[in-house]
C-alpha atoms as a PDB file:
ATOM      1  CA  LEU A   1      95.985 118.901 112.967  1.00  0.00           C
ATOM      2  CA  LEU A   2      97.460 117.713 109.857  1.00  0.00           C
ATOM      3  CA  GLY A   3     101.014 116.626 112.318  1.00  0.00           C
ATOM      4  CA  TYR A   4      98.357 114.809 114.316  1.00  0.00           C
ATOM      5  CA  LEU A   5      97.075 112.752 111.608  1.00  0.00           C
ATOM      6  CA  LEU A   6     100.208 112.512 109.533  1.00  0.00           C
ATOM      7  CA  PHE A   7     102.503 110.941 112.634  1.00  0.00           C
ATOM      8  CA  ALA A   8      99.410 109.060 114.594  1.00  0.00           C
ATOM      9  CA  ARG A   9      98.831 107.330 110.707  1.00  0.00           C
ATOM     10  CA  LEU A  10     102.905 106.432 110.360  1.00  0.00           C
ATOM     11  CA  SER A  11     103.581 105.699 113.934  1.00  0.00           C
ATOM     12  CA  GLY A  12      99.887 103.835 114.766  1.00  0.00           C
ATOM     13  CA  SER A  13      99.900 105.653 118.159  1.00  0.00           C
ATOM     14  CA  LYS A  14      97.310 108.652 118.704  1.00  0.00           C
ATOM     15  CA  LEU A  15      99.459 110.079 122.119  1.00  0.00           C
ATOM     16  CA  ALA A  16     102.372 109.799 119.749  1.00  0.00           C
ATOM     17  CA  GLY A  17     100.863 111.584 116.429  1.00  0.00           C
ATOM     18  CA  PHE A  18      99.443 114.145 119.436  1.00  0.00           C
ATOM     19  CA  ILE A  19     103.074 114.995 120.694  1.00  0.00           C
ATOM     20  CA  SER A  20     104.999 114.863 117.256  1.00  0.00           C
ATOM     21  CA  GLY A  21     102.139 117.472 115.881  1.00  0.00           C
ATOM     22  CA  VAL A  22     102.233 119.559 118.535  1.00  0.00           C
ATOM     23  CA  ALA A  23     106.403 119.485 118.467  1.00  0.00           C
ATOM     24  CA  PHE A  24     106.026 119.907 114.745  1.00  0.00           C
ATOM     25  CA  SER A  25     103.615 123.044 115.148  1.00  0.00           C
ATOM     26  CA  PHE A  26     105.104 125.007 117.506  1.00  0.00           C
ATOM     27  CA  ILE A  27     108.936 124.475 116.324  1.00  0.00           C
ATOM     28  CA  PRO A  28     110.852 127.628 117.025  1.00  0.00           C
ATOM     29  CA  TYR A  29     112.405 127.830 113.629  1.00  0.00           C
ATOM     30  CA  HIS A  30     108.866 128.372 112.140  1.00  0.00           C
ATOM     31  CA  TYR A  31     108.490 131.601 114.029  1.00  0.00           C
ATOM     32  CA  TRP A  32     111.537 132.910 114.311  1.00  0.00           C
ATOM     33  CA  HIS A  33     111.289 133.052 110.073  1.00  0.00           C
ATOM     34  CA  LEU A  34     107.559 133.325 109.654  1.00  0.00           C
ATOM     35  CA  PRO A  35     108.207 136.303 107.374  1.00  0.00           C
ATOM     36  CA  ARG A  36     109.549 134.226 105.059  1.00  0.00           C
ATOM     37  CA  MET A  37     107.198 132.908 101.847  1.00  0.00           C
ATOM     38  CA  HIS A  38     108.298 130.213 101.574  1.00  0.00           C
ATOM     39  CA  LEU A  39     108.294 128.324 105.750  1.00  0.00           C
ATOM     40  CA  SER A  40     104.540 128.901 105.704  1.00  0.00           C
ATOM     41  CA  CYS A  41     103.844 125.856 103.597  1.00  0.00           C
ATOM     42  CA  LEU A  42     105.210 123.844 105.843  1.00  0.00           C
ATOM     43  CA  GLU A  43     102.219 121.807 106.234  1.00  0.00           C
ATOM     44  CA  PHE A  44     100.936 121.608 102.305  1.00  0.00           C
ATOM     45  CA  ILE A  45     103.973 119.384 102.783  1.00  0.00           C
ATOM     46  CA  LEU A  46     102.504 116.944 105.331  1.00  0.00           C
ATOM     47  CA  LEU A  47      98.886 117.110 103.607  1.00  0.00           C
ATOM     48  CA  ALA A  48     100.458 116.417 100.119  1.00  0.00           C
ATOM     49  CA  VAL A  49     102.242 113.786 102.329  1.00  0.00           C
ATOM     50  CA  LEU A  50      98.783 112.459 103.951  1.00  0.00           C
ATOM     51  CA  GLY A  51      97.275 111.975 100.074  1.00  0.00           C
ATOM     52  CA  TYR A  52     100.486 110.489  98.798  1.00  0.00           C
ATOM     53  CA  PHE A  53      99.284 107.663 101.952  1.00  0.00           C
ATOM     54  CA  TYR A  54      95.694 107.836 101.007  1.00  0.00           C
ATOM     55  CA  LEU A  55      96.529 106.669  97.479  1.00  0.00           C
ATOM     56  CA  ILE A  56      98.642 103.712  98.854  1.00  0.00           C
ATOM     57  CA  ASP A  57      95.488 102.797 100.900  1.00  0.00           C
ATOM     58  CA  LYS A  58      93.008 103.354  98.347  1.00  0.00           C
ATOM     59  CA  ARG A  59      94.475 102.681  94.967  1.00  0.00           C
ATOM     60  CA  SER A  60      91.818 104.147  93.580  1.00  0.00           C
ATOM     61  CA  ALA A  61      91.245 106.995  90.247  1.00  0.00           C
ATOM     62  CA  ARG A  62      89.710 108.911  93.655  1.00  0.00           C
ATOM     63  CA  ALA A  63      92.514 108.666  96.018  1.00  0.00           C
ATOM     64  CA  GLY A  64      94.359 110.083  92.461  1.00  0.00           C
ATOM     65  CA  ILE A  65      92.335 113.511  92.479  1.00  0.00           C
ATOM     66  CA  VAL A  66      92.767 113.380  96.062  1.00  0.00           C
ATOM     67  CA  PHE A  67      96.266 113.257  95.855  1.00  0.00           C
ATOM     68  CA  GLY A  68      96.513 115.464  92.680  1.00  0.00           C
ATOM     69  CA  LEU A  69      94.657 118.739  94.526  1.00  0.00           C
ATOM     70  CA  SER A  70      96.941 117.263  97.544  1.00  0.00           C
ATOM     71  CA  LEU A  71      99.791 118.741  95.242  1.00  0.00           C
ATOM     72  CA  VAL A  72      97.887 122.119  94.146  1.00  0.00           C
ATOM     73  CA  PRO A  73      98.488 124.685  97.610  1.00  0.00           C
ATOM     74  CA  LEU A  74     102.007 123.307  97.747  1.00  0.00           C
ATOM     75  CA  PHE A  75     102.788 123.783  93.651  1.00  0.00           C
ATOM     76  CA  TYR A  76     100.887 127.060  94.364  1.00  0.00           C
ATOM     77  CA  GLN A  77     102.772 128.089  97.578  1.00  0.00           C
ATOM     78  CA  SER A  78     106.483 126.796  96.932  1.00  0.00           C
ATOM     79  CA  PRO A  79     107.169 125.078  94.160  1.00  0.00           C
ATOM     80  CA  ASN A  80     110.541 124.102  95.520  1.00  0.00           C
ATOM     81  CA  TYR A  81     109.295 122.168  98.364  1.00  0.00           C
ATOM     82  CA  LEU A  82     107.199 120.488  95.551  1.00  0.00           C
ATOM     83  CA  PHE A  83     110.383 119.692  93.518  1.00  0.00           C
ATOM     84  CA  TYR A  84     112.132 118.218  96.640  1.00  0.00           C
ATOM     85  CA  LEU A  85     108.995 116.524  97.385  1.00  0.00           C
ATOM     86  CA  SER A  86     108.837 114.704  94.276  1.00  0.00           C
ATOM     87  CA  PHE A  87     112.000 113.011  94.893  1.00  0.00           C
ATOM     88  CA  PHE A  88     110.257 111.380  98.615  1.00  0.00           C
ATOM     89  CA  PHE A  89     108.190 110.149  96.095  1.00  0.00           C
ATOM     90  CA  LEU A  90     110.391 108.349  93.447  1.00  0.00           C
ATOM     91  CA  PHE A  91     112.412 107.147  96.334  1.00  0.00           C
ATOM     92  CA  HIS A  92     109.435 106.017  98.386  1.00  0.00           C
ATOM     93  CA  ILE A  93     108.565 104.174  94.471  1.00  0.00           C
ATOM     94  CA  VAL A  94     111.629 102.394  94.072  1.00  0.00           C
ATOM     95  CA  TYR A  95     111.722 101.339  97.181  1.00  0.00           C
ATOM     96  CA  MET A  96     107.771  99.854  97.344  1.00  0.00           C
ATOM     97  CA  ALA A  97     108.835  98.529  93.729  1.00  0.00           C
ATOM     98  CA  ILE A  98     111.853  95.680  95.108  1.00  0.00           C
ATOM     99  CA  PHE A  99     109.958  95.456  98.810  1.00  0.00           C
ATOM    100  CA  HIS A 100     106.057  95.967  98.101  1.00  0.00           C
ATOM    101  CA  ARG A 101     105.477  94.695  94.778  1.00  0.00           C
ATOM    102  CA  GLN A 102     101.521  93.987  95.769  1.00  0.00           C
ATOM    103  CA  ILE A 103     100.804  97.332  96.427  1.00  0.00           C
ATOM    104  CA  ILE A 104     101.796  98.546  92.992  1.00  0.00           C
ATOM    105  CA  SER A 105      98.752  97.571  91.265  1.00  0.00           C
ATOM    106  CA  ARG A 106      96.522  98.804  88.554  1.00  0.00           C
ATOM    107  CA  GLY A 107      94.603 101.366  90.828  1.00  0.00           C
ATOM    108  CA  TRP A 108      97.089 102.658  91.505  1.00  0.00           C
ATOM    109  CA  ILE A 109      99.389 103.353  88.746  1.00  0.00           C
ATOM    110  CA  LYS A 110      96.113 104.838  87.496  1.00  0.00           C
ATOM    111  CA  GLY A 111      95.790 106.808  90.760  1.00  0.00           C
ATOM    112  CA  ILE A 112      98.956 108.679  90.428  1.00  0.00           C
ATOM    113  CA  PHE A 113      98.373 109.602  86.814  1.00  0.00           C
ATOM    114  CA  ILE A 114      95.373 110.845  87.443  1.00  0.00           C
ATOM    115  CA  ALA A 115      97.153 113.056  90.185  1.00  0.00           C
ATOM    116  CA  ARG A 116      99.718 114.216  87.268  1.00  0.00           C
ATOM    117  CA  LEU A 117      97.270 115.970  85.336  1.00  0.00           C
END
């Protein structure tokens, strides 16, 4: 479900989201390494990215709380993935600062700081 929601949002197509979500969910690598603890949290990465894009769309304190709460299960399950995901967030924020300055608003920055708590 999270794969569908994220990929449909990124592609703008529900069909592409469905196909990508199914492909992500049933990739053989997930099942071959299922006993490994860190692979059981791959869906939490998608949840955190969805929370991040929700923060970008809404730019409010409530969206910051949602984003922060979406990071909690990922941190609990695999702090390493949260560390790697922070690089994605950092690079995306730099990209937005260079090419899409209008997205970075006071509400968005406030939401980021609330999510950090």
